[in-house]
């Protein structure tokens, strides 16, 4: 199978987590036109007309976009090891945490992502402060539901960990480094404890490392572009 994705996007991370955990072989393809690039997406739109990542392409040519849908499919087809709790409440909590991350936390970052496409001298502190406030609010929503036993839900890895890990890298590292503001994560003791604990899982650590490397690569690319 093939996974069309970028390492800097938080959405493919949860898919990679499942693929790694289940020991599935897959080819990573990074399509053009992402990460602030002005290059056209070209042939990728023929694969996924939505034009977002990730997209999973099976060996028989079937195409499946949207990270949450891909994760559900992988769990259905490759149920062992399970990254979806068997308990209905725990399963609902897993989905809730991913949904909060996608709808509230990711969207809170969008104004900051948009600023990266503009000269730093023109960054509006009002926009930054408002975005940080929305990020803090989204973290509070996660705080109310995140687990206290080392993982997002219970004592085992789930797809929710793949959803949260890249976003917490952005919150606790990228946000302060890029915009010079304090991370709002420490205001949330349960979420902070979870973040510290879950990084000891080798698969989560792999996802976190890939996210950090992608952020560093994009920072180098922006710096190079600004000096040429």
N, C-alpha and C. Protein backbone atom coordinates (compact mmCIF):
# COMPACT_ATOMS: atom_id res chain seq x y z
N UNK A 1 0.84 -1.19 0.00
CA UNK A 1 0.00 0.00 0.00
C UNK A 1 0.87 1.24 0.00
N UNK A 2 0.27 2.37 -0.39
CA UNK A 2 0.97 3.64 -0.45
C UNK A 2 0.25 4.65 0.44
N UNK A 3 1.04 5.46 1.12
CA UNK A 3 0.48 6.52 1.95
C UNK A 3 0.98 7.85 1.42
N UNK A 4 0.08 8.63 0.84
CA UNK A 4 0.42 9.98 0.40
C UNK A 4 0.26 10.89 1.61
N UNK A 5 1.34 11.59 1.95
CA UNK A 5 1.32 12.33 3.20
C UNK A 5 2.49 13.29 3.27
N UNK A 6 2.47 14.15 4.29
CA UNK A 6 3.63 14.94 4.66
C UNK A 6 3.88 14.72 6.14
N UNK A 7 5.14 14.77 6.54
CA UNK A 7 5.48 14.51 7.93
C UNK A 7 5.14 15.68 8.84
N UNK A 8 5.00 16.87 8.29
CA UNK A 8 4.69 18.03 9.13
C UNK A 8 3.20 18.14 9.45
N UNK A 9 2.37 17.51 8.66
CA UNK A 9 0.93 17.55 8.92
C UNK A 9 0.58 16.62 10.08
N UNK A 10 -0.28 17.05 10.99
CA UNK A 10 -0.64 16.17 12.11
C UNK A 10 -1.56 15.03 11.73
N UNK A 11 -2.26 15.15 10.62
CA UNK A 11 -3.27 14.14 10.28
C UNK A 11 -2.67 12.81 9.83
N UNK A 12 -1.66 12.79 8.99
CA UNK A 12 -1.08 11.49 8.62
C UNK A 12 -0.40 10.77 9.79
N UNK A 13 -0.05 11.50 10.85
CA UNK A 13 0.68 10.88 11.95
C UNK A 13 -0.09 9.75 12.59
N UNK A 14 -1.40 9.93 12.75
CA UNK A 14 -2.19 8.87 13.39
C UNK A 14 -2.28 7.64 12.50
N UNK A 15 -2.25 7.86 11.17
CA UNK A 15 -2.27 6.73 10.25
C UNK A 15 -0.94 5.99 10.32
N UNK A 16 0.16 6.74 10.32
CA UNK A 16 1.47 6.08 10.42
C UNK A 16 1.58 5.30 11.72
N UNK A 17 1.04 5.84 12.82
CA UNK A 17 1.09 5.14 14.09
C UNK A 17 0.44 3.76 13.97
N UNK A 18 -0.71 3.70 13.34
CA UNK A 18 -1.38 2.41 13.17
C UNK A 18 -0.59 1.48 12.26
N UNK A 19 -0.08 2.02 11.19
CA UNK A 19 0.70 1.20 10.26
C UNK A 19 1.94 0.64 10.94
N UNK A 20 2.63 1.48 11.72
CA UNK A 20 3.81 1.02 12.46
C UNK A 20 3.42 -0.06 13.46
N UNK A 21 2.37 0.22 14.23
CA UNK A 21 1.97 -0.70 15.30
C UNK A 21 1.56 -2.06 14.75
N UNK A 22 0.94 -2.07 13.59
CA UNK A 22 0.45 -3.31 13.01
C UNK A 22 1.48 -3.99 12.12
N UNK A 23 2.66 -3.37 11.99
CA UNK A 23 3.73 -3.97 11.22
C UNK A 23 3.44 -4.08 9.75
N UNK A 24 2.67 -3.14 9.21
CA UNK A 24 2.28 -3.18 7.81
C UNK A 24 3.31 -2.45 6.95
N UNK A 25 3.64 -3.03 5.82
CA UNK A 25 4.57 -2.40 4.89
C UNK A 25 3.82 -1.39 4.03
N UNK A 26 4.41 -0.21 3.88
CA UNK A 26 3.78 0.81 3.06
C UNK A 26 4.85 1.75 2.52
N UNK A 27 4.53 2.34 1.39
CA UNK A 27 5.42 3.31 0.75
C UNK A 27 4.92 4.71 1.06
N UNK A 28 5.80 5.57 1.51
CA UNK A 28 5.46 6.96 1.77
C UNK A 28 5.73 7.79 0.52
N UNK A 29 4.73 8.53 0.11
CA UNK A 29 4.87 9.45 -1.03
C UNK A 29 4.44 10.83 -0.56
N UNK A 30 5.32 11.80 -0.71
CA UNK A 30 5.02 13.17 -0.30
C UNK A 30 4.64 13.97 -1.54
N UNK A 31 3.36 14.27 -1.71
CA UNK A 31 2.93 14.98 -2.91
C UNK A 31 3.36 16.45 -2.88
N UNK A 32 3.43 17.09 -4.04
CA UNK A 32 3.82 18.50 -4.09
C UNK A 32 2.69 19.41 -3.65
N UNK A 33 3.06 20.65 -3.36
CA UNK A 33 2.06 21.67 -3.08
C UNK A 33 1.60 21.78 -1.65
N UNK A 34 2.39 21.24 -0.72
CA UNK A 34 2.02 21.31 0.70
C UNK A 34 3.12 22.05 1.47
N UNK A 35 2.78 22.42 2.71
CA UNK A 35 3.77 23.05 3.58
C UNK A 35 4.18 24.43 3.15
N UNK A 36 3.23 25.19 2.62
CA UNK A 36 3.54 26.54 2.18
C UNK A 36 4.12 26.61 0.79
N UNK A 37 4.28 25.46 0.15
CA UNK A 37 4.80 25.45 -1.20
C UNK A 37 3.77 26.00 -2.18
N UNK A 38 4.23 26.75 -3.16
CA UNK A 38 3.34 27.28 -4.20
C UNK A 38 3.26 26.36 -5.40
N UNK A 39 3.95 25.21 -5.33
CA UNK A 39 3.90 24.26 -6.43
C UNK A 39 2.49 23.70 -6.58
N UNK A 40 2.05 23.46 -7.80
CA UNK A 40 0.73 22.86 -7.98
C UNK A 40 0.69 21.42 -7.48
N UNK A 41 -0.48 21.00 -7.03
CA UNK A 41 -0.62 19.63 -6.54
C UNK A 41 -0.70 18.61 -7.67
N UNK A 42 -0.97 19.10 -8.86
CA UNK A 42 -0.86 18.29 -10.06
C UNK A 42 -1.59 16.97 -10.01
N UNK A 43 -0.86 15.89 -10.30
CA UNK A 43 -1.47 14.56 -10.40
C UNK A 43 -2.07 14.08 -9.09
N UNK A 44 -1.67 14.67 -7.98
CA UNK A 44 -2.23 14.23 -6.70
C UNK A 44 -3.74 14.45 -6.66
N UNK A 45 -4.22 15.47 -7.33
CA UNK A 45 -5.65 15.76 -7.33
C UNK A 45 -6.44 14.68 -8.07
N UNK A 46 -5.77 13.96 -8.96
CA UNK A 46 -6.43 12.85 -9.64
C UNK A 46 -6.57 11.66 -8.69
N UNK A 47 -5.67 11.57 -7.71
CA UNK A 47 -5.74 10.50 -6.71
C UNK A 47 -6.74 10.86 -5.62
N UNK A 48 -6.66 12.09 -5.14
CA UNK A 48 -7.57 12.57 -4.10
C UNK A 48 -8.05 13.97 -4.48
N UNK A 49 -9.23 14.09 -5.08
CA UNK A 49 -9.72 15.40 -5.50
C UNK A 49 -9.90 16.39 -4.36
N UNK A 50 -10.03 15.89 -3.12
CA UNK A 50 -10.12 16.79 -1.97
C UNK A 50 -8.83 17.59 -1.83
N UNK A 51 -7.72 16.98 -2.22
CA UNK A 51 -6.44 17.68 -2.23
C UNK A 51 -5.77 17.83 -0.89
N UNK A 52 -6.15 16.98 0.06
CA UNK A 52 -5.52 17.03 1.38
C UNK A 52 -4.80 15.72 1.65
N UNK A 53 -4.01 15.72 2.71
CA UNK A 53 -3.33 14.49 3.13
C UNK A 53 -3.85 14.09 4.52
N UNK A 54 -3.86 12.77 4.78
CA UNK A 54 -3.29 11.69 4.01
C UNK A 54 -4.29 11.06 3.04
N UNK A 55 -3.74 10.24 2.14
CA UNK A 55 -4.54 9.36 1.30
C UNK A 55 -3.87 8.00 1.29
N UNK A 56 -4.66 6.97 1.52
CA UNK A 56 -4.15 5.60 1.48
C UNK A 56 -4.58 4.98 0.16
N UNK A 57 -3.62 4.39 -0.56
CA UNK A 57 -3.91 3.69 -1.80
C UNK A 57 -3.54 2.23 -1.62
N UNK A 58 -4.52 1.37 -1.76
CA UNK A 58 -4.30 -0.05 -1.58
C UNK A 58 -3.61 -0.65 -2.80
N UNK A 59 -3.10 -1.85 -2.62
CA UNK A 59 -2.37 -2.51 -3.71
C UNK A 59 -3.26 -2.76 -4.92
N UNK A 60 -4.57 -2.86 -4.72
CA UNK A 60 -5.48 -3.09 -5.84
C UNK A 60 -5.98 -1.78 -6.46
N UNK A 61 -5.44 -0.64 -5.97
CA UNK A 61 -5.77 0.65 -6.56
C UNK A 61 -6.88 1.40 -5.87
N UNK A 62 -7.55 0.80 -4.90
CA UNK A 62 -8.59 1.53 -4.19
C UNK A 62 -7.98 2.67 -3.38
N UNK A 63 -8.71 3.78 -3.32
CA UNK A 63 -8.20 5.01 -2.71
C UNK A 63 -9.09 5.40 -1.54
N UNK A 64 -8.45 5.74 -0.43
CA UNK A 64 -9.20 6.15 0.76
C UNK A 64 -8.56 7.39 1.37
N UNK A 65 -9.25 8.54 1.35
CA UNK A 65 -8.74 9.74 2.02
C UNK A 65 -9.28 9.87 3.44
N UNK A 66 -8.82 10.90 4.14
CA UNK A 66 -9.28 11.29 5.48
C UNK A 66 -8.75 10.35 6.57
N UNK A 67 -7.96 10.95 7.46
CA UNK A 67 -7.20 10.17 8.44
C UNK A 67 -8.08 9.31 9.35
N UNK A 68 -9.16 9.86 9.86
CA UNK A 68 -9.99 9.08 10.78
C UNK A 68 -10.63 7.89 10.07
N UNK A 69 -11.05 8.10 8.82
CA UNK A 69 -11.64 7.02 8.04
C UNK A 69 -10.60 5.94 7.75
N UNK A 70 -9.40 6.37 7.42
CA UNK A 70 -8.32 5.41 7.16
C UNK A 70 -8.03 4.59 8.40
N UNK A 71 -7.97 5.23 9.56
CA UNK A 71 -7.69 4.51 10.80
C UNK A 71 -8.77 3.49 11.11
N UNK A 72 -10.02 3.85 10.91
CA UNK A 72 -11.11 2.91 11.14
C UNK A 72 -11.01 1.73 10.19
N UNK A 73 -10.67 2.00 8.94
CA UNK A 73 -10.51 0.93 7.96
C UNK A 73 -9.39 -0.01 8.36
N UNK A 74 -8.25 0.55 8.76
CA UNK A 74 -7.12 -0.29 9.14
C UNK A 74 -7.46 -1.16 10.35
N UNK A 75 -8.21 -0.62 11.29
CA UNK A 75 -8.61 -1.41 12.45
C UNK A 75 -9.55 -2.55 12.04
N UNK A 76 -10.44 -2.27 11.10
CA UNK A 76 -11.37 -3.30 10.65
C UNK A 76 -10.66 -4.43 9.90
N UNK A 77 -9.69 -4.06 9.08
CA UNK A 77 -9.03 -5.05 8.21
C UNK A 77 -7.87 -5.74 8.92
N UNK A 78 -7.20 -5.00 9.78
CA UNK A 78 -6.04 -5.54 10.50
C UNK A 78 -6.28 -5.34 12.00
N UNK A 79 -7.11 -6.17 12.61
CA UNK A 79 -7.55 -5.91 14.00
C UNK A 79 -6.51 -6.19 15.07
N UNK A 80 -5.38 -6.81 14.74
CA UNK A 80 -4.37 -7.12 15.75
C UNK A 80 -3.01 -6.56 15.33
N UNK A 81 -2.35 -5.92 16.28
CA UNK A 81 -2.83 -5.52 17.61
C UNK A 81 -3.86 -4.40 17.51
N UNK A 82 -4.78 -4.41 18.42
CA UNK A 82 -5.88 -3.44 18.38
C UNK A 82 -5.41 -2.08 18.90
N UNK A 83 -5.71 -1.03 18.14
CA UNK A 83 -5.51 0.34 18.61
C UNK A 83 -6.84 1.05 18.76
N UNK A 84 -7.87 0.25 18.94
CA UNK A 84 -9.22 0.75 19.17
C UNK A 84 -9.77 -0.02 20.36
N UNK A 85 -10.10 0.64 21.46
CA UNK A 85 -10.56 -0.08 22.66
C UNK A 85 -11.79 -0.92 22.39
N UNK A 86 -11.89 -2.04 23.11
CA UNK A 86 -13.06 -2.90 22.98
C UNK A 86 -14.25 -2.36 23.78
N UNK A 87 -13.97 -1.64 24.87
CA UNK A 87 -15.04 -1.07 25.69
C UNK A 87 -15.70 0.09 24.95
N UNK A 88 -17.01 0.13 24.85
CA UNK A 88 -17.69 1.18 24.08
C UNK A 88 -17.40 2.59 24.59
N UNK A 89 -17.34 2.77 25.91
CA UNK A 89 -17.07 4.11 26.45
C UNK A 89 -15.64 4.54 26.13
N UNK A 90 -14.71 3.63 26.30
CA UNK A 90 -13.32 3.95 25.98
C UNK A 90 -13.16 4.25 24.49
N UNK A 91 -13.87 3.49 23.67
CA UNK A 91 -13.79 3.73 22.22
C UNK A 91 -14.36 5.10 21.88
N UNK A 92 -15.48 5.46 22.51
CA UNK A 92 -16.06 6.78 22.28
C UNK A 92 -15.11 7.88 22.75
N UNK A 93 -14.42 7.66 23.87
CA UNK A 93 -13.47 8.65 24.38
C UNK A 93 -12.31 8.82 23.42
N UNK A 94 -11.83 7.72 22.85
CA UNK A 94 -10.77 7.80 21.84
C UNK A 94 -11.19 8.70 20.68
N UNK A 95 -12.41 8.47 20.20
CA UNK A 95 -12.89 9.26 19.07
C UNK A 95 -13.13 10.71 19.47
N UNK A 96 -13.59 10.92 20.70
CA UNK A 96 -13.82 12.28 21.18
C UNK A 96 -12.52 13.08 21.24
N UNK A 97 -11.47 12.48 21.79
CA UNK A 97 -10.19 13.18 21.89
C UNK A 97 -9.66 13.56 20.51
N UNK A 98 -9.76 12.63 19.55
CA UNK A 98 -9.31 12.94 18.20
C UNK A 98 -10.16 14.05 17.59
N UNK A 99 -11.44 14.02 17.86
CA UNK A 99 -12.33 15.04 17.30
C UNK A 99 -12.05 16.42 17.91
N UNK A 100 -11.83 16.46 19.22
CA UNK A 100 -11.49 17.74 19.85
C UNK A 100 -10.20 18.28 19.25
N UNK A 101 -9.22 17.41 19.07
CA UNK A 101 -7.95 17.84 18.49
C UNK A 101 -8.16 18.41 17.10
N UNK A 102 -8.92 17.69 16.27
CA UNK A 102 -9.10 18.11 14.88
C UNK A 102 -9.91 19.39 14.75
N UNK A 103 -11.00 19.48 15.50
CA UNK A 103 -11.93 20.60 15.31
C UNK A 103 -11.49 21.85 16.06
N UNK A 104 -10.98 21.67 17.26
CA UNK A 104 -10.67 22.83 18.10
C UNK A 104 -9.19 23.17 18.13
N UNK A 105 -8.32 22.17 18.38
CA UNK A 105 -6.91 22.49 18.53
C UNK A 105 -6.26 22.78 17.18
N UNK A 106 -6.46 21.94 16.19
CA UNK A 106 -5.87 22.20 14.88
C UNK A 106 -6.36 23.53 14.33
N UNK A 107 -7.65 23.77 14.40
CA UNK A 107 -8.19 25.01 13.84
C UNK A 107 -7.69 26.24 14.57
N UNK A 108 -7.38 26.10 15.87
CA UNK A 108 -6.83 27.24 16.61
C UNK A 108 -5.45 27.63 16.09
N UNK A 109 -4.74 26.67 15.52
CA UNK A 109 -3.41 26.94 14.98
C UNK A 109 -3.44 27.58 13.59
N UNK A 110 -4.55 27.48 12.89
CA UNK A 110 -4.60 27.92 11.50
C UNK A 110 -4.17 29.38 11.31
N UNK A 111 -4.63 30.34 12.14
CA UNK A 111 -4.15 31.72 11.95
C UNK A 111 -2.64 31.84 12.08
N UNK A 112 -2.03 31.01 12.91
CA UNK A 112 -0.57 31.06 13.07
C UNK A 112 0.11 30.44 11.84
N UNK A 113 -0.45 29.36 11.32
CA UNK A 113 0.09 28.79 10.08
C UNK A 113 0.03 29.83 8.95
N UNK A 114 -1.07 30.57 8.90
CA UNK A 114 -1.23 31.58 7.86
C UNK A 114 -0.18 32.68 7.97
N UNK A 115 0.18 33.04 9.20
CA UNK A 115 1.18 34.08 9.39
C UNK A 115 2.53 33.68 8.81
N UNK A 116 2.83 32.40 8.81
CA UNK A 116 4.12 31.95 8.30
C UNK A 116 4.33 32.30 6.84
N UNK A 117 3.24 32.51 6.12
CA UNK A 117 3.34 32.86 4.70
C UNK A 117 3.57 34.35 4.49
N UNK A 118 3.67 35.12 5.58
CA UNK A 118 3.86 36.57 5.49
C UNK A 118 5.17 36.95 6.17
N UNK A 119 5.73 38.11 5.86
CA UNK A 119 6.96 38.56 6.51
C UNK A 119 6.76 38.69 8.03
N UNK A 120 7.76 38.26 8.76
CA UNK A 120 7.67 38.28 10.22
C UNK A 120 7.41 39.68 10.77
N UNK A 121 7.96 40.69 10.12
CA UNK A 121 7.79 42.06 10.60
C UNK A 121 6.33 42.49 10.61
N UNK A 122 5.51 41.83 9.81
CA UNK A 122 4.10 42.20 9.72
C UNK A 122 3.18 41.37 10.58
N UNK A 123 3.74 40.47 11.38
CA UNK A 123 2.88 39.63 12.22
C UNK A 123 2.16 40.48 13.26
N UNK A 124 0.85 40.34 13.30
CA UNK A 124 0.01 41.12 14.20
C UNK A 124 -0.05 40.43 15.56
N UNK A 125 0.43 41.09 16.63
CA UNK A 125 0.37 40.45 17.96
C UNK A 125 -1.05 40.17 18.43
N UNK A 126 -2.01 40.92 17.93
CA UNK A 126 -3.40 40.66 18.30
C UNK A 126 -3.85 39.31 17.74
N UNK A 127 -3.46 39.02 16.52
CA UNK A 127 -3.79 37.73 15.90
C UNK A 127 -3.12 36.60 16.67
N UNK A 128 -1.86 36.81 17.03
CA UNK A 128 -1.13 35.77 17.77
C UNK A 128 -1.77 35.53 19.12
N UNK A 129 -2.07 36.59 19.84
CA UNK A 129 -2.68 36.43 21.17
C UNK A 129 -4.03 35.73 21.09
N UNK A 130 -4.81 36.07 20.08
CA UNK A 130 -6.12 35.45 19.93
C UNK A 130 -5.99 33.96 19.64
N UNK A 131 -5.03 33.61 18.79
CA UNK A 131 -4.80 32.21 18.46
C UNK A 131 -4.34 31.43 19.68
N UNK A 132 -3.43 32.01 20.44
CA UNK A 132 -2.94 31.34 21.65
C UNK A 132 -4.09 31.12 22.63
N UNK A 133 -5.00 32.09 22.72
CA UNK A 133 -6.16 31.93 23.59
C UNK A 133 -7.04 30.76 23.15
N UNK A 134 -7.23 30.62 21.84
CA UNK A 134 -8.03 29.51 21.32
C UNK A 134 -7.32 28.17 21.55
N UNK A 135 -6.01 28.17 21.40
CA UNK A 135 -5.23 26.95 21.67
C UNK A 135 -5.38 26.55 23.14
N UNK A 136 -5.27 27.54 24.03
CA UNK A 136 -5.42 27.26 25.46
C UNK A 136 -6.80 26.68 25.76
N UNK A 137 -7.83 27.23 25.12
CA UNK A 137 -9.18 26.72 25.34
C UNK A 137 -9.30 25.28 24.87
N UNK A 138 -8.74 24.97 23.71
CA UNK A 138 -8.80 23.61 23.18
C UNK A 138 -8.06 22.63 24.08
N UNK A 139 -6.94 23.04 24.62
CA UNK A 139 -6.21 22.19 25.56
C UNK A 139 -7.07 21.89 26.79
N UNK A 140 -7.83 22.89 27.23
CA UNK A 140 -8.72 22.67 28.36
C UNK A 140 -9.78 21.62 28.07
N UNK A 141 -10.25 21.59 26.82
CA UNK A 141 -11.23 20.56 26.45
C UNK A 141 -10.59 19.17 26.51
N UNK A 142 -9.36 19.08 26.04
CA UNK A 142 -8.65 17.80 26.12
C UNK A 142 -8.38 17.41 27.56
N UNK A 143 -8.03 18.39 28.39
CA UNK A 143 -7.75 18.15 29.80
C UNK A 143 -8.92 17.43 30.49
N UNK A 144 -10.11 17.76 30.08
CA UNK A 144 -11.30 17.20 30.72
C UNK A 144 -11.52 15.73 30.39
N UNK A 145 -10.86 15.23 29.33
CA UNK A 145 -11.16 13.88 28.87
C UNK A 145 -9.94 12.98 28.72
N UNK A 146 -8.74 13.53 28.74
CA UNK A 146 -7.56 12.70 28.52
C UNK A 146 -7.34 11.75 29.69
N UNK A 147 -6.78 10.59 29.39
CA UNK A 147 -6.57 9.57 30.40
C UNK A 147 -5.47 9.91 31.39
N UNK A 148 -5.43 9.15 32.47
CA UNK A 148 -4.45 9.38 33.53
C UNK A 148 -3.58 8.15 33.78
N UNK A 149 -3.60 7.19 32.84
CA UNK A 149 -2.87 5.95 33.02
C UNK A 149 -1.74 5.78 32.00
N UNK A 150 -1.26 6.89 31.49
CA UNK A 150 -0.11 6.84 30.59
C UNK A 150 -0.42 7.00 29.12
N UNK A 151 -1.68 6.79 28.75
CA UNK A 151 -2.09 6.94 27.36
C UNK A 151 -3.35 7.81 27.29
N UNK A 152 -3.70 8.20 26.10
CA UNK A 152 -4.88 9.06 25.94
C UNK A 152 -6.12 8.39 26.49
N UNK A 153 -6.20 7.07 26.28
CA UNK A 153 -7.33 6.28 26.79
C UNK A 153 -6.77 5.02 27.43
N UNK A 154 -6.97 4.86 28.73
CA UNK A 154 -6.57 3.64 29.42
C UNK A 154 -5.07 3.42 29.48
N UNK A 155 -4.68 2.16 29.39
CA UNK A 155 -3.29 1.76 29.58
C UNK A 155 -2.64 1.25 28.32
N UNK A 156 -3.23 1.54 27.17
CA UNK A 156 -2.70 1.02 25.91
C UNK A 156 -2.78 2.08 24.82
N UNK A 157 -1.93 1.91 23.84
CA UNK A 157 -1.86 2.81 22.70
C UNK A 157 -3.15 2.73 21.89
N UNK A 158 -3.67 3.89 21.48
CA UNK A 158 -4.81 3.96 20.59
C UNK A 158 -4.56 5.02 19.53
N UNK A 159 -5.47 5.08 18.57
CA UNK A 159 -5.34 6.09 17.52
C UNK A 159 -5.39 7.50 18.09
N UNK A 160 -6.00 7.69 19.25
CA UNK A 160 -6.04 9.03 19.86
C UNK A 160 -4.65 9.54 20.18
N UNK A 161 -3.74 8.65 20.53
CA UNK A 161 -2.36 9.08 20.80
C UNK A 161 -1.71 9.61 19.53
N UNK A 162 -2.04 8.99 18.40
CA UNK A 162 -1.52 9.48 17.13
C UNK A 162 -2.08 10.83 16.75
N UNK A 163 -3.30 11.12 17.19
CA UNK A 163 -3.89 12.43 16.92
C UNK A 163 -3.29 13.51 17.82
N UNK A 164 -3.05 13.18 19.09
CA UNK A 164 -2.60 14.19 20.05
C UNK A 164 -1.11 14.47 19.96
N UNK A 165 -0.30 13.46 19.71
CA UNK A 165 1.16 13.63 19.79
C UNK A 165 1.69 14.75 18.91
N UNK A 166 1.38 14.79 17.61
CA UNK A 166 1.95 15.88 16.81
C UNK A 166 1.44 17.25 17.21
N UNK A 167 0.19 17.32 17.69
CA UNK A 167 -0.35 18.61 18.10
C UNK A 167 0.30 19.12 19.38
N UNK A 168 0.68 18.22 20.25
CA UNK A 168 1.35 18.65 21.47
C UNK A 168 2.80 19.05 21.21
N UNK A 169 3.42 18.47 20.18
CA UNK A 169 4.73 18.97 19.75
C UNK A 169 4.59 20.42 19.29
N UNK A 170 3.57 20.69 18.48
CA UNK A 170 3.35 22.05 18.02
C UNK A 170 3.07 22.99 19.19
N UNK A 171 2.28 22.53 20.13
CA UNK A 171 1.88 23.38 21.26
C UNK A 171 3.05 23.69 22.18
N UNK A 172 3.79 22.67 22.53
CA UNK A 172 4.80 22.82 23.57
C UNK A 172 6.18 23.22 23.04
N UNK A 173 6.41 23.06 21.74
CA UNK A 173 7.73 23.35 21.19
C UNK A 173 7.67 24.38 20.05
N UNK A 174 6.88 24.08 19.02
CA UNK A 174 6.85 24.97 17.86
C UNK A 174 6.27 26.34 18.20
N UNK A 175 5.21 26.38 18.97
CA UNK A 175 4.57 27.65 19.31
C UNK A 175 5.52 28.60 20.04
N UNK A 176 6.17 28.17 21.13
CA UNK A 176 7.11 29.08 21.80
C UNK A 176 8.32 29.45 20.92
N UNK A 177 8.85 28.48 20.19
CA UNK A 177 10.04 28.74 19.38
C UNK A 177 9.75 29.70 18.24
N UNK A 178 8.57 29.61 17.65
CA UNK A 178 8.25 30.40 16.47
C UNK A 178 7.70 31.77 16.81
N UNK A 179 6.88 31.85 17.86
CA UNK A 179 6.19 33.09 18.14
C UNK A 179 6.61 33.74 19.46
N UNK A 180 7.51 33.10 20.19
CA UNK A 180 8.04 33.70 21.40
C UNK A 180 7.02 33.85 22.51
N UNK A 181 6.04 32.95 22.55
CA UNK A 181 5.03 32.98 23.61
C UNK A 181 5.17 31.73 24.46
N UNK A 182 4.70 31.81 25.68
CA UNK A 182 4.77 30.65 26.56
C UNK A 182 3.76 29.60 26.13
N UNK A 183 4.18 28.34 26.22
CA UNK A 183 3.25 27.25 25.92
C UNK A 183 2.14 27.23 26.96
N UNK A 184 0.88 27.11 26.51
CA UNK A 184 -0.22 27.00 27.47
C UNK A 184 -0.41 25.59 28.02
N UNK A 185 0.39 24.64 27.55
CA UNK A 185 0.22 23.26 28.00
C UNK A 185 0.36 23.10 29.52
N UNK A 186 1.36 23.71 30.20
CA UNK A 186 1.52 23.49 31.64
C UNK A 186 0.33 23.91 32.50
N UNK A 187 -0.60 24.65 31.94
CA UNK A 187 -1.79 25.02 32.71
C UNK A 187 -2.72 23.82 32.91
N UNK A 188 -2.43 22.73 32.23
CA UNK A 188 -3.30 21.56 32.23
C UNK A 188 -2.55 20.37 32.80
N UNK A 189 -2.67 20.10 34.10
CA UNK A 189 -1.83 19.08 34.74
C UNK A 189 -2.04 17.68 34.20
N UNK A 190 -3.28 17.29 33.91
CA UNK A 190 -3.51 15.94 33.39
C UNK A 190 -2.90 15.78 32.00
N UNK A 191 -3.10 16.78 31.17
CA UNK A 191 -2.57 16.72 29.81
C UNK A 191 -1.05 16.77 29.81
N UNK A 192 -0.48 17.55 30.72
CA UNK A 192 0.98 17.62 30.84
C UNK A 192 1.55 16.29 31.29
N UNK A 193 0.90 15.66 32.27
CA UNK A 193 1.37 14.35 32.73
C UNK A 193 1.24 13.31 31.64
N UNK A 194 0.14 13.37 30.90
CA UNK A 194 -0.04 12.45 29.77
C UNK A 194 1.07 12.63 28.75
N UNK A 195 1.38 13.86 28.40
CA UNK A 195 2.38 14.14 27.38
C UNK A 195 3.75 13.63 27.80
N UNK A 196 4.07 13.80 29.05
CA UNK A 196 5.35 13.29 29.56
C UNK A 196 5.38 11.76 29.51
N UNK A 197 4.30 11.12 29.89
CA UNK A 197 4.27 9.66 29.97
C UNK A 197 4.22 9.01 28.59
N UNK A 198 3.41 9.54 27.69
CA UNK A 198 3.18 8.85 26.43
C UNK A 198 4.43 8.87 25.53
N UNK A 199 5.30 9.84 25.73
CA UNK A 199 6.51 9.89 24.91
C UNK A 199 7.49 8.76 25.23
N UNK A 200 7.25 8.03 26.30
CA UNK A 200 8.09 6.87 26.60
C UNK A 200 7.70 5.66 25.76
N UNK A 201 6.54 5.71 25.12
CA UNK A 201 6.15 4.64 24.21
C UNK A 201 6.99 4.77 22.93
N UNK A 202 7.65 3.71 22.48
CA UNK A 202 8.56 3.83 21.34
C UNK A 202 7.87 4.24 20.04
N UNK A 203 6.63 3.83 19.83
CA UNK A 203 5.95 4.22 18.60
C UNK A 203 5.53 5.69 18.64
N UNK A 204 5.08 6.15 19.80
CA UNK A 204 4.77 7.57 19.93
C UNK A 204 6.05 8.39 19.79
N UNK A 205 7.14 7.91 20.39
CA UNK A 205 8.42 8.61 20.27
C UNK A 205 8.84 8.71 18.81
N UNK A 206 8.55 7.69 18.04
CA UNK A 206 8.89 7.74 16.61
C UNK A 206 8.08 8.81 15.89
N UNK A 207 6.78 8.87 16.18
CA UNK A 207 5.93 9.90 15.59
C UNK A 207 6.39 11.29 16.00
N UNK A 208 6.71 11.44 17.27
CA UNK A 208 7.18 12.74 17.79
C UNK A 208 8.48 13.14 17.09
N UNK A 209 9.40 12.20 16.94
CA UNK A 209 10.66 12.49 16.27
C UNK A 209 10.46 12.89 14.83
N UNK A 210 9.56 12.21 14.14
CA UNK A 210 9.29 12.57 12.74
C UNK A 210 8.70 13.96 12.64
N UNK A 211 7.82 14.30 13.59
CA UNK A 211 7.22 15.63 13.58
C UNK A 211 8.27 16.70 13.84
N UNK A 212 9.13 16.47 14.81
CA UNK A 212 10.18 17.44 15.11
C UNK A 212 11.11 17.63 13.91
N UNK A 213 11.48 16.54 13.28
CA UNK A 213 12.37 16.63 12.12
C UNK A 213 11.72 17.42 10.99
N UNK A 214 10.42 17.20 10.77
CA UNK A 214 9.72 17.91 9.71
C UNK A 214 9.62 19.40 10.01
N UNK A 215 9.36 19.74 11.27
CA UNK A 215 9.31 21.15 11.66
C UNK A 215 10.66 21.81 11.44
N UNK A 216 11.73 21.12 11.84
CA UNK A 216 13.08 21.67 11.67
C UNK A 216 13.41 21.86 10.20
N UNK A 217 13.00 20.91 9.36
CA UNK A 217 13.28 21.02 7.93
C UNK A 217 12.55 22.21 7.32
N UNK A 218 11.31 22.41 7.73
CA UNK A 218 10.56 23.55 7.20
C UNK A 218 11.12 24.87 7.70
N UNK A 219 11.62 24.89 8.92
CA UNK A 219 12.23 26.11 9.44
C UNK A 219 13.48 26.45 8.63
N UNK A 220 14.29 25.44 8.33
CA UNK A 220 15.49 25.67 7.52
C UNK A 220 15.13 26.17 6.13
N UNK A 221 14.07 25.61 5.56
CA UNK A 221 13.65 26.02 4.22
C UNK A 221 13.17 27.46 4.21
N UNK A 222 12.43 27.86 5.24
CA UNK A 222 11.97 29.25 5.31
C UNK A 222 13.13 30.18 5.50
N UNK A 223 14.08 29.81 6.35
CA UNK A 223 15.24 30.66 6.58
C UNK A 223 16.03 30.82 5.30
N UNK A 224 16.22 29.74 4.56
CA UNK A 224 16.95 29.81 3.29
C UNK A 224 16.24 30.70 2.29
N UNK A 225 14.90 30.60 2.24
CA UNK A 225 14.13 31.41 1.31
C UNK A 225 14.21 32.89 1.64
N UNK A 226 14.29 33.20 2.93
CA UNK A 226 14.34 34.60 3.36
C UNK A 226 15.71 35.24 3.12
N UNK A 227 16.73 34.41 2.96
CA UNK A 227 18.09 34.94 2.78
C UNK A 227 18.54 34.93 1.33
N UNK A 228 17.65 34.49 0.44
CA UNK A 228 18.02 34.46 -1.00
C UNK A 228 17.29 35.55 -1.76
